[in-house]
Amino acid sequence: MDCFGTGSLVTRMTNDITQVQNLVSQFVRGMIRTGMLMFGSIFFLFRLNTRFGLIALCAFPLIVGCMGLCLTKANPLFTRLQAQLDEINAILQEDISGIRVIKACICEGYEKLRFGKANGALVCTQLQMLTILTFMNPIINILIYVVVALILRVGAFEVAAGAATPGVIMAAITYTTQLLNGIMGLTMLSQNISRGFASWKRVKEVLHTEPQLQDGSFDGQTEQHGKIEFRNVSFSYPGSDRMALKNINLTILPGETVAIMGATGCGKSALVNLIPRFYDAAEGTVLVDGVDVREYTLQALRNKVSIALQKAELFHQSIAQNIAWGREGADSESIRAAAQAAQAEEFITGTADGYATTVAACGSHEELLQSCKVYRDIYDSQMGKEELHA
């Protein structure tokens, strides 16, 4: 997320993947078909008349050169086009998620201009690309028609000399037409291949990105429970030279409640994000139950931590499913107990279908988020008891 951004990832997972799929499917079918048409036509032209075959063969390098020149100019535009799609998707994602803020600040006009500017740049790039590719087809057609004219010219002399018949000339024109069909198919195929390879490079960037957080090996079994300690911790966000936290020393004992207060941007969220290891500290050590968080497996560490984020996110499921999110076989009593502990029971029973009410996609309700946290604590405590009993 930090490397690519939401808009770019959405584009790569949808549009770029589609382009790669088209590349694979069309490359296999198209190359076989066009290859057989082109080389078969030239082969039979040589069998029919060596001169006709040489005429077609001499035009072949010119046709390939024309295609190569046009695609060389178009390839950078394919990459730029996908990057501009990234920008448009990012703007759409921001505008949709922040629609209330935009309306409250009366910034609809500004956002329209911002989207229009990004969309205009995309259209401009698309037109540049289409202009280049539009010139390619007529030039190739001209070269093919020149070949046909030369075959007719040479054929006329051979018919006059009695070395060939009109039927041979017509057969040569037919093979040349098939050659034209093969080359036009290759032209269309080459455009899709070029765009597909540009998209594949972008998909490959995501697939080959190494996670910044390397999993530890510790399974999380500790004698202490609930102790958090920061030792000389400094932290800066990826790509930033400014330290969000510097030389922090803090110990939170089991059972303690600690409030961290400060101005916006002073590093409160950054401090909390280091505990479940959303990021690693640049300097110093963060310990949970006396063990460096970098030594835990990520699953073991995050099983120890329940977190209610600053922005509540709920999923397009029922209220009960949101509370018991990720826990298979959740019983209604535990779900209800979690809702009551988070003071969400009154709000839930006031809805049309109670716990079966479907939450709007990406909804936000602090009470429900707290219920999820409480249910997780209940679930984990029950699992711990079962393990001890076993």
Protein backbone atom coordinates (compact mmCIF):
# COMPACT_ATOMS: atom_id res chain seq x y z
CA MET A 1 0.00 0.00 0.00
CA ASP A 2 2.76 2.45 0.91
CA CYS A 3 4.72 1.62 -2.27
CA PHE A 4 1.92 1.77 -4.85
CA GLY A 5 -1.19 3.39 -3.38
CA THR A 6 -4.79 2.18 -3.51
CA GLY A 7 -5.59 3.58 -6.97
CA SER A 8 -2.54 2.00 -8.55
CA LEU A 9 -3.19 -1.40 -6.97
CA VAL A 10 -6.81 -1.37 -8.17
CA THR A 11 -5.67 -0.57 -11.73
CA ARG A 12 -3.01 -3.28 -11.66
CA MET A 13 -5.43 -5.92 -10.32
CA THR A 14 -8.17 -5.08 -12.84
CA ASN A 15 -7.11 -3.32 -16.04
CA ASP A 16 -3.51 -4.56 -16.12
CA ILE A 17 -4.51 -8.15 -15.35
CA THR A 18 -7.09 -7.98 -18.17
CA GLN A 19 -4.41 -6.76 -20.58
CA VAL A 20 -2.13 -9.64 -19.56
CA GLN A 21 -4.97 -12.14 -20.07
CA ASN A 22 -5.57 -10.72 -23.55
CA LEU A 23 -1.83 -10.99 -24.24
CA VAL A 24 -1.72 -14.69 -23.34
CA SER A 25 -4.92 -15.70 -25.14
CA GLN A 26 -4.31 -13.69 -28.31
CA PHE A 27 -0.60 -14.46 -28.48
CA VAL A 28 -1.18 -18.21 -28.65
CA ARG A 29 -4.06 -18.13 -31.13
CA GLY A 30 -2.99 -15.08 -33.12
CA MET A 31 0.65 -15.96 -33.66
CA ILE A 32 -0.21 -19.42 -34.98
CA ARG A 33 -2.89 -18.11 -37.33
CA THR A 34 -0.99 -15.08 -38.66
CA GLY A 35 2.27 -17.03 -38.87
CA MET A 36 0.65 -19.73 -41.00
CA LEU A 37 -1.04 -17.15 -43.23
CA MET A 38 2.12 -15.11 -43.85
CA PHE A 39 4.73 -17.80 -44.27
CA GLY A 40 2.30 -20.12 -46.07
CA SER A 41 1.46 -17.38 -48.57
CA ILE A 42 5.13 -16.59 -49.25
CA PHE A 43 5.96 -20.30 -49.57
CA PHE A 44 3.24 -20.90 -52.17
CA LEU A 45 4.18 -17.72 -54.00
CA PHE A 46 7.71 -19.13 -54.39
CA ARG A 47 6.30 -22.46 -55.58
CA LEU A 48 4.05 -20.65 -58.02
CA ASN A 49 6.71 -18.30 -59.39
CA THR A 50 10.10 -17.44 -57.94
CA ARG A 51 9.88 -13.82 -59.03
CA PHE A 52 6.53 -13.34 -57.30
CA GLY A 53 7.94 -14.78 -54.08
CA LEU A 54 11.01 -12.50 -54.24
CA ILE A 55 8.79 -9.43 -54.71
CA ALA A 56 6.76 -10.32 -51.58
CA LEU A 57 9.91 -11.20 -49.64
CA CYS A 58 11.58 -7.87 -50.47
CA ALA A 59 8.58 -5.96 -49.10
CA PHE A 60 8.60 -7.97 -45.87
CA PRO A 61 11.52 -6.10 -44.16
CA LEU A 62 9.88 -2.75 -45.00
CA ILE A 63 6.60 -3.89 -43.42
CA VAL A 64 8.34 -5.20 -40.28
CA GLY A 65 10.41 -2.00 -40.06
CA CYS A 66 7.27 0.15 -40.26
CA MET A 67 5.60 -1.88 -37.51
CA GLY A 68 8.72 -1.76 -35.34
CA LEU A 69 9.06 2.02 -35.70
CA CYS A 70 5.42 2.69 -34.81
CA LEU A 71 5.43 0.31 -31.84
CA THR A 72 8.71 1.76 -30.55
CA LYS A 73 7.04 5.17 -30.39
CA ALA A 74 3.81 3.75 -28.95
CA ASN A 75 5.30 1.55 -26.20
CA PRO A 76 6.16 4.41 -23.79
CA LEU A 77 2.62 5.71 -24.28
CA PHE A 78 1.17 2.35 -23.16
CA THR A 79 3.08 2.62 -19.87
CA ARG A 80 2.10 6.27 -19.42
CA LEU A 81 -1.55 5.41 -20.15
CA GLN A 82 -1.65 2.81 -17.36
CA ALA A 83 0.02 5.25 -14.93
CA GLN A 84 -2.63 7.85 -15.75
CA LEU A 85 -5.33 5.25 -15.10
CA ASP A 86 -3.69 4.83 -11.68
CA GLU A 87 -4.11 8.53 -11.03
CA ILE A 88 -7.76 8.57 -12.11
CA ASN A 89 -8.56 5.56 -9.90
CA ALA A 90 -6.78 7.21 -6.97
CA ILE A 91 -8.82 10.41 -7.41
CA LEU A 92 -12.07 8.43 -7.68
CA GLN A 93 -11.23 6.42 -4.56
CA GLU A 94 -10.44 9.59 -2.62
CA ASP A 95 -13.54 11.41 -3.84
CA ILE A 96 -15.92 8.54 -3.10
CA SER A 97 -14.52 7.82 0.37
CA GLY A 98 -14.31 11.54 1.22
CA ILE A 99 -17.55 12.70 -0.40
CA ARG A 100 -18.92 14.14 2.86
CA VAL A 101 -15.73 16.12 3.49
CA ILE A 102 -15.84 17.46 -0.08
CA LYS A 103 -19.45 18.60 0.33
CA ALA A 104 -18.82 20.06 3.78
CA CYS A 105 -15.89 22.12 2.49
CA ILE A 106 -17.75 23.08 -0.71
CA CYS A 107 -14.92 21.71 -2.85
CA GLU A 108 -17.00 19.96 -5.53
CA GLY A 109 -15.75 22.40 -8.18
CA TYR A 110 -12.11 21.85 -7.23
CA GLU A 111 -12.50 18.06 -7.34
CA LYS A 112 -14.23 18.27 -10.71
CA LEU A 113 -11.31 20.28 -12.05
CA ARG A 114 -8.82 17.83 -10.54
CA PHE A 115 -10.60 14.84 -12.09
CA GLY A 116 -11.04 16.68 -15.39
CA LYS A 117 -7.35 17.49 -15.55
CA ALA A 118 -6.37 13.84 -14.95
CA ASN A 119 -8.99 12.62 -17.42
CA GLY A 120 -7.83 15.15 -20.03
CA ALA A 121 -4.24 13.93 -19.70
CA LEU A 122 -5.47 10.34 -20.19
CA VAL A 123 -7.45 11.30 -23.30
CA CYS A 124 -4.44 13.19 -24.71
CA THR A 125 -2.17 10.16 -24.25
CA GLN A 126 -4.80 7.87 -25.78
CA LEU A 127 -5.10 10.14 -28.82
CA GLN A 128 -1.33 10.26 -29.28
CA MET A 129 -1.19 6.48 -29.16
CA LEU A 130 -4.09 6.07 -31.59
CA THR A 131 -2.54 8.61 -33.99
CA ILE A 132 0.68 6.61 -34.17
CA LEU A 133 -1.15 3.30 -34.63
CA THR A 134 -3.55 4.85 -37.17
CA PHE A 135 -0.65 5.69 -39.48
CA MET A 136 0.71 2.15 -39.26
CA ASN A 137 -2.17 0.36 -41.03
CA PRO A 138 -2.35 2.63 -44.13
CA ILE A 139 1.43 2.48 -44.65
CA ILE A 140 1.39 -1.32 -44.49
CA ASN A 141 -1.59 -1.41 -46.88
CA ILE A 142 0.30 0.79 -49.33
CA LEU A 143 3.30 -1.54 -49.24
CA ILE A 144 1.09 -4.59 -49.84
CA TYR A 145 -0.69 -2.88 -52.76
CA VAL A 146 2.70 -1.99 -54.23
CA VAL A 147 3.54 -5.71 -54.06
CA VAL A 148 0.27 -6.53 -55.86
CA ALA A 149 1.03 -3.90 -58.54
CA LEU A 150 4.54 -5.29 -59.07
CA ILE A 151 3.21 -8.84 -59.34
CA LEU A 152 0.68 -7.69 -61.96
CA ARG A 153 3.41 -5.81 -63.83
CA VAL A 154 5.84 -8.73 -63.85
CA GLY A 155 3.00 -11.18 -64.53
CA ALA A 156 1.90 -9.16 -67.57
CA PHE A 157 5.37 -9.48 -69.11
CA GLU A 158 5.47 -13.23 -68.38
CA VAL A 159 2.00 -13.81 -69.84
CA ALA A 160 3.02 -11.86 -72.95
CA ALA A 161 6.17 -13.99 -73.21
CA GLY A 162 4.16 -17.20 -72.69
CA ALA A 163 6.02 -18.07 -69.47
CA ALA A 164 2.86 -17.84 -67.33
CA THR A 165 -0.91 -18.03 -67.66
CA PRO A 166 -3.56 -15.59 -66.36
CA GLY A 167 -4.60 -18.27 -63.84
CA VAL A 168 -1.12 -18.16 -62.29
CA ILE A 169 -1.38 -14.39 -61.95
CA MET A 170 -4.78 -14.67 -60.25
CA ALA A 171 -3.42 -17.32 -57.88
CA ALA A 172 -0.48 -15.02 -57.04
CA ILE A 173 -2.88 -12.17 -56.23
CA THR A 174 -4.93 -14.52 -54.03
CA TYR A 175 -1.81 -15.54 -52.09
CA THR A 176 -0.83 -11.88 -51.77
CA THR A 177 -4.30 -11.08 -50.37
CA GLN A 178 -3.86 -13.85 -47.79
CA LEU A 179 -0.47 -12.38 -46.97
CA LEU A 180 -2.16 -9.01 -46.46
CA ASN A 181 -4.70 -10.60 -44.08
CA GLY A 182 -1.89 -12.23 -42.12
CA ILE A 183 0.07 -8.97 -41.85
CA MET A 184 -3.00 -6.99 -40.77
CA GLY A 185 -3.68 -9.64 -38.14
CA LEU A 186 -0.07 -9.37 -36.97
CA THR A 187 -0.46 -5.57 -36.80
CA MET A 188 -3.45 -5.82 -34.50
CA LEU A 189 -1.80 -8.55 -32.50
CA SER A 190 1.39 -6.53 -32.06
CA GLN A 191 -0.59 -3.62 -30.56
CA ASN A 192 -2.19 -5.92 -27.96
CA ILE A 193 1.13 -7.62 -27.25
CA SER A 194 2.86 -4.29 -26.68
CA ARG A 195 0.14 -3.11 -24.30
CA GLY A 196 0.08 -6.51 -22.60
CA PHE A 197 3.82 -6.45 -21.95
CA ALA A 198 3.58 -2.91 -20.55
CA SER A 199 0.87 -4.14 -18.16
CA TRP A 200 2.86 -7.27 -17.29
CA LYS A 201 5.79 -5.13 -16.17
CA ARG A 202 3.46 -3.26 -13.81
CA VAL A 203 1.96 -6.47 -12.43
CA LYS A 204 5.44 -7.93 -12.03
CA GLU A 205 6.47 -4.92 -9.93
CA VAL A 206 3.79 -5.87 -7.40
CA LEU A 207 4.56 -9.60 -7.50
CA HIS A 208 8.30 -9.05 -7.02
CA THR A 209 7.98 -6.49 -4.25
CA GLU A 210 9.60 -7.89 -1.13
CA PRO A 211 7.63 -7.35 2.11
CA GLN A 212 9.41 -4.86 4.36
CA LEU A 213 8.35 -6.82 7.44
CA GLN A 214 10.05 -10.19 7.73
CA ASP A 215 8.23 -12.78 9.83
CA GLY A 216 9.90 -13.91 13.06
CA SER A 217 9.88 -17.42 14.47
CA PHE A 218 8.58 -16.97 18.04
CA ASP A 219 5.14 -18.56 18.59
CA GLY A 220 4.01 -16.07 21.27
CA GLN A 221 3.98 -18.32 24.37
CA THR A 222 5.19 -16.04 27.20
CA GLU A 223 4.97 -15.98 30.99
CA GLN A 224 4.03 -12.28 31.03
CA HIS A 225 0.73 -11.09 29.60
CA GLY A 226 -0.13 -7.50 28.74
CA LYS A 227 3.18 -5.69 29.20
CA ILE A 228 4.31 -3.26 26.48
CA GLU A 229 7.65 -1.50 26.47
CA PHE A 230 9.35 1.04 24.21
CA ARG A 231 13.13 1.32 24.57
CA ASN A 232 14.79 4.30 22.87
CA VAL A 233 12.40 3.99 19.93
CA SER A 234 12.72 6.30 16.91
CA PHE A 235 10.60 5.98 13.80
CA SER A 236 10.05 7.63 10.42
CA TYR A 237 7.52 6.65 7.77
CA PRO A 238 8.86 4.95 4.60
CA GLY A 239 10.17 7.54 2.14
CA SER A 240 10.29 10.31 4.75
CA ASP A 241 13.40 11.84 6.32
CA ARG A 242 11.46 13.42 9.19
CA MET A 243 11.33 11.42 12.42
CA ALA A 244 7.73 10.90 13.56
CA LEU A 245 9.05 9.54 16.89
CA LYS A 246 12.43 10.12 18.48
CA ASN A 247 14.00 8.37 21.46
CA ILE A 248 10.73 7.18 23.06
CA ASN A 249 10.94 5.28 26.35
CA LEU A 250 7.66 4.01 27.73
CA THR A 251 6.53 1.03 29.83
CA ILE A 252 2.87 -0.01 30.12
CA LEU A 253 2.21 -2.67 32.74
CA PRO A 254 -0.63 -5.23 32.62
CA GLY A 255 -3.92 -3.67 33.70
CA GLU A 256 -2.81 -0.10 33.17
CA THR A 257 -4.78 2.34 31.02
CA VAL A 258 -2.60 4.87 29.21
CA ALA A 259 -3.82 7.86 27.20
CA ILE A 260 -1.42 9.42 24.69
CA MET A 261 -2.26 13.05 24.00
CA GLY A 262 -0.70 15.54 21.63
CA ALA A 263 -1.16 17.80 18.64
CA THR A 264 -2.12 16.48 15.22
CA GLY A 265 0.87 14.86 13.53
CA CYS A 266 2.93 14.46 16.69
CA GLY A 267 3.16 10.66 16.26
CA LYS A 268 0.34 9.23 18.39
CA SER A 269 -0.86 6.83 15.66
CA ALA A 270 2.73 6.02 14.71
CA LEU A 271 3.44 4.95 18.30
CA VAL A 272 0.42 2.65 18.39
CA ASN A 273 1.16 1.19 14.94
CA LEU A 274 4.52 -0.07 16.17
CA ILE A 275 2.90 -2.40 18.73
CA PRO A 276 1.13 -4.77 16.25
CA ARG A 277 4.13 -4.18 13.94
CA PHE A 278 2.40 -2.42 11.08
CA TYR A 279 5.83 -0.76 10.79
CA ASP A 280 9.25 -1.49 12.25
CA ALA A 281 11.06 1.03 14.43
CA ALA A 282 14.02 2.74 12.75
CA GLU A 283 15.94 2.65 16.03
CA GLY A 284 15.36 1.03 19.40
CA THR A 285 13.15 -1.86 20.43
CA VAL A 286 9.43 -2.43 20.96
CA LEU A 287 8.66 -5.31 23.35
CA VAL A 288 5.38 -7.09 23.97
CA ASP A 289 5.39 -9.35 27.05
CA GLY A 290 9.15 -8.90 27.27
CA VAL A 291 9.87 -10.11 23.71
CA ASP A 292 10.97 -7.95 20.77
CA VAL A 293 8.04 -7.68 18.34
CA ARG A 294 10.42 -8.54 15.46
CA GLU A 295 10.96 -12.00 16.96
CA TYR A 296 7.25 -12.92 16.90
CA THR A 297 5.50 -14.42 13.93
CA LEU A 298 3.09 -11.74 12.74
CA GLN A 299 0.09 -13.98 13.49
CA ALA A 300 1.28 -14.69 17.04
CA LEU A 301 1.97 -11.00 17.72
CA ARG A 302 -1.35 -9.75 16.39
CA ASN A 303 -3.22 -12.46 18.28
CA LYS A 304 -1.89 -10.76 21.42
CA VAL A 305 -3.11 -7.30 20.39
CA SER A 306 -6.66 -6.00 19.97
CA ILE A 307 -6.79 -2.64 18.24
CA ALA A 308 -9.57 -0.17 17.43
CA LEU A 309 -8.25 1.97 14.61
CA GLN A 310 -8.88 5.70 14.29
CA LYS A 311 -11.08 5.05 11.26
CA ALA A 312 -13.68 2.35 11.84
CA GLU A 313 -14.17 0.00 8.87
CA LEU A 314 -17.05 -2.48 8.63
CA PHE A 315 -17.82 -4.96 5.88
CA HIS A 316 -20.92 -5.62 3.78
CA GLN A 317 -22.17 -8.41 6.04
CA SER A 318 -24.64 -8.75 8.90
CA ILE A 319 -23.94 -7.06 12.23
CA ALA A 320 -23.34 -10.47 13.84
CA GLN A 321 -20.83 -11.44 11.14
CA ASN A 322 -18.99 -8.15 11.60
CA ILE A 323 -18.73 -8.66 15.36
CA ALA A 324 -17.46 -12.24 14.96
CA TRP A 325 -15.39 -11.33 11.91
CA GLY A 326 -12.90 -14.07 11.01
CA ARG A 327 -14.11 -16.46 13.75
CA GLU A 328 -15.76 -19.58 12.35
CA GLY A 329 -18.60 -21.16 14.30
CA ALA A 330 -19.32 -18.09 16.43
CA ASP A 331 -22.22 -18.60 18.88
CA SER A 332 -24.91 -15.97 19.38
CA GLU A 333 -24.36 -15.72 23.15
CA SER A 334 -20.74 -14.59 22.77
CA ILE A 335 -21.71 -12.13 20.04
CA ARG A 336 -24.46 -10.67 22.21
CA ALA A 337 -22.13 -10.46 25.24
CA ALA A 338 -19.55 -8.59 23.16
CA ALA A 339 -22.19 -6.14 21.91
CA GLN A 340 -23.42 -5.51 25.45
CA ALA A 341 -19.90 -4.93 26.76
CA ALA A 342 -19.29 -2.40 23.96
CA GLN A 343 -22.65 -0.71 24.69
CA ALA A 344 -23.90 -1.50 21.19
CA GLU A 345 -26.86 -3.71 22.21
CA GLU A 346 -29.41 -0.87 22.24
CA PHE A 347 -28.31 0.41 18.84
CA ILE A 348 -28.37 -3.12 17.31
CA THR A 349 -31.80 -4.10 18.63
CA GLY A 350 -33.17 -0.84 17.30
CA THR A 351 -32.38 -1.82 13.70
CA ALA A 352 -34.88 -3.56 11.43
CA ASP A 353 -33.45 -7.09 11.66
CA GLY A 354 -31.33 -6.81 14.78
CA TYR A 355 -28.11 -8.78 14.57
CA ALA A 356 -29.07 -9.97 11.05
CA THR A 357 -29.14 -6.39 9.70
CA THR A 358 -26.73 -5.94 6.81
CA VAL A 359 -24.17 -3.18 7.30
CA ALA A 360 -23.49 -0.88 4.33
CA ALA A 361 -20.19 -1.60 2.59
CA CYS A 362 -17.29 0.14 4.31
CA GLY A 363 -19.64 1.48 6.96
CA SER A 364 -18.32 2.98 10.15
CA HIS A 365 -19.76 2.53 13.64
CA GLU A 366 -17.48 2.81 16.62
CA GLU A 367 -19.78 0.67 18.79
CA LEU A 368 -19.67 -2.23 16.34
CA LEU A 369 -15.90 -1.95 16.01
CA GLN A 370 -15.58 -2.08 19.80
CA SER A 371 -17.88 -5.12 19.79
CA CYS A 372 -15.51 -6.86 17.36
CA LYS A 373 -12.63 -6.15 19.73
CA VAL A 374 -14.52 -7.39 22.79
CA TYR A 375 -15.67 -10.54 20.99
CA ARG A 376 -12.10 -11.28 20.01
CA ASP A 377 -11.03 -10.98 23.66
CA ILE A 378 -13.87 -13.32 24.69
CA TYR A 379 -12.97 -15.80 21.95
CA ASP A 380 -9.26 -15.75 22.83
CA SER A 381 -9.97 -16.23 26.53
CA GLN A 382 -12.24 -19.20 25.78
CA MET A 383 -9.59 -20.76 23.52
CA GLY A 384 -6.98 -20.26 26.26
CA LYS A 385 -9.19 -22.04 28.78
CA GLU A 386 -9.74 -24.96 26.41
CA GLU A 387 -6.00 -25.27 25.85
CA LEU A 388 -5.33 -25.22 29.58
CA HIS A 389 -8.06 -27.80 30.18
CA ALA A 390 -6.59 -30.02 27.44
